[in-house]
Amino acid sequence: MKLHELSDNPGATKKRMRVARGPGSGKGKMGGRGIKGQEIPFGCFDQWL
């Protein structure tokens, strides 16, 4: 067995989903981050207060 003959089992890997790339993508607008007011989209800003 050589390195170029290795592969994952069928179903072991999935394509990476690109989030926040428009409403037609299935993960558009908020990109799975929900509705969190001031914290979106970059997280909490308490460290600068």
C-alpha atoms as a PDB file:
ATOM      1  CA  MET A   1       0.000   0.000   0.000  1.00  0.00           C
ATOM      2  CA  LYS A   2       1.321   3.397  -0.981  1.00  0.00           C
ATOM      3  CA  LEU A   3       0.370   6.893   0.162  1.00  0.00           C
ATOM      4  CA  HIS A   4      -1.454   7.758  -3.062  1.00  0.00           C
ATOM      5  CA  GLU A   5      -3.684   4.691  -2.630  1.00  0.00           C
ATOM      6  CA  LEU A   6      -5.086   5.841   0.738  1.00  0.00           C
ATOM      7  CA  SER A   7      -8.547   7.400   0.928  1.00  0.00           C
ATOM      8  CA  ASP A   8     -11.326   7.968   3.454  1.00  0.00           C
ATOM      9  CA  ASN A   9     -14.255   5.604   3.723  1.00  0.00           C
ATOM     10  CA  PRO A  10     -17.395   6.659   1.845  1.00  0.00           C
ATOM     11  CA  GLY A  11     -19.359   9.096   4.005  1.00  0.00           C
ATOM     12  CA  ALA A  12     -16.472   9.813   6.372  1.00  0.00           C
ATOM     13  CA  THR A  13     -16.020  13.403   5.208  1.00  0.00           C
ATOM     14  CA  LYS A  14     -18.466  16.143   4.244  1.00  0.00           C
ATOM     15  CA  LYS A  15     -18.067  19.268   2.148  1.00  0.00           C
ATOM     16  CA  ARG A  16     -17.473  22.384   4.241  1.00  0.00           C
ATOM     17  CA  MET A  17     -20.481  24.722   4.296  1.00  0.00           C
ATOM     18  CA  ARG A  18     -19.759  28.358   3.462  1.00  0.00           C
ATOM     19  CA  VAL A  19     -21.893  30.462   5.775  1.00  0.00           C
ATOM     20  CA  ALA A  20     -23.181  34.028   5.337  1.00  0.00           C
ATOM     21  CA  ARG A  21     -23.028  33.949   1.529  1.00  0.00           C
ATOM     22  CA  GLY A  22     -26.558  35.037   0.657  1.00  0.00           C
ATOM     23  CA  PRO A  23     -30.102  33.803   1.254  1.00  0.00           C
ATOM     24  CA  GLY A  24     -29.968  31.134  -1.446  1.00  0.00           C
ATOM     25  CA  SER A  25     -27.067  29.309   0.216  1.00  0.00           C
ATOM     26  CA  GLY A  26     -29.171  27.929   3.068  1.00  0.00           C
ATOM     27  CA  LYS A  27     -26.963  29.586   5.717  1.00  0.00           C
ATOM     28  CA  GLY A  28     -27.253  33.202   4.661  1.00  0.00           C
ATOM     29  CA  LYS A  29     -27.798  36.518   6.440  1.00  0.00           C
ATOM     30  CA  MET A  30     -26.776  35.824  10.065  1.00  0.00           C
ATOM     31  CA  GLY A  31     -24.690  32.766   9.155  1.00  0.00           C
ATOM     32  CA  GLY A  32     -25.874  30.636  12.057  1.00  0.00           C
ATOM     33  CA  ARG A  33     -25.017  33.259  14.693  1.00  0.00           C
ATOM     34  CA  GLY A  34     -28.615  34.056  15.628  1.00  0.00           C
ATOM     35  CA  ILE A  35     -29.971  37.439  16.698  1.00  0.00           C
ATOM     36  CA  LYS A  36     -27.805  38.779  19.498  1.00  0.00           C
ATOM     37  CA  GLY A  37     -28.037  42.558  19.198  1.00  0.00           C
ATOM     38  CA  GLN A  38     -24.760  44.398  19.622  1.00  0.00           C
ATOM     39  CA  GLU A  39     -22.678  41.239  19.821  1.00  0.00           C
ATOM     40  CA  ILE A  40     -23.159  40.272  16.176  1.00  0.00           C
ATOM     41  CA  PRO A  41     -21.257  39.609  14.014  1.00  0.00           C
ATOM     42  CA  PHE A  42     -17.902  39.806  15.799  1.00  0.00           C
ATOM     43  CA  GLY A  43     -18.601  38.704  19.369  1.00  0.00           C
ATOM     44  CA  CYS A  44     -18.516  40.635  22.627  1.00  0.00           C
ATOM     45  CA  PHE A  45     -16.782  44.025  22.794  1.00  0.00           C
ATOM     46  CA  ASP A  46     -16.397  44.148  26.609  1.00  0.00           C
ATOM     47  CA  GLN A  47     -12.620  44.095  26.391  1.00  0.00           C
ATOM     48  CA  TRP A  48     -12.581  47.666  25.005  1.00  0.00           C
ATOM     49  CA  LEU A  49     -14.966  49.139  27.576  1.00  0.00           C
END
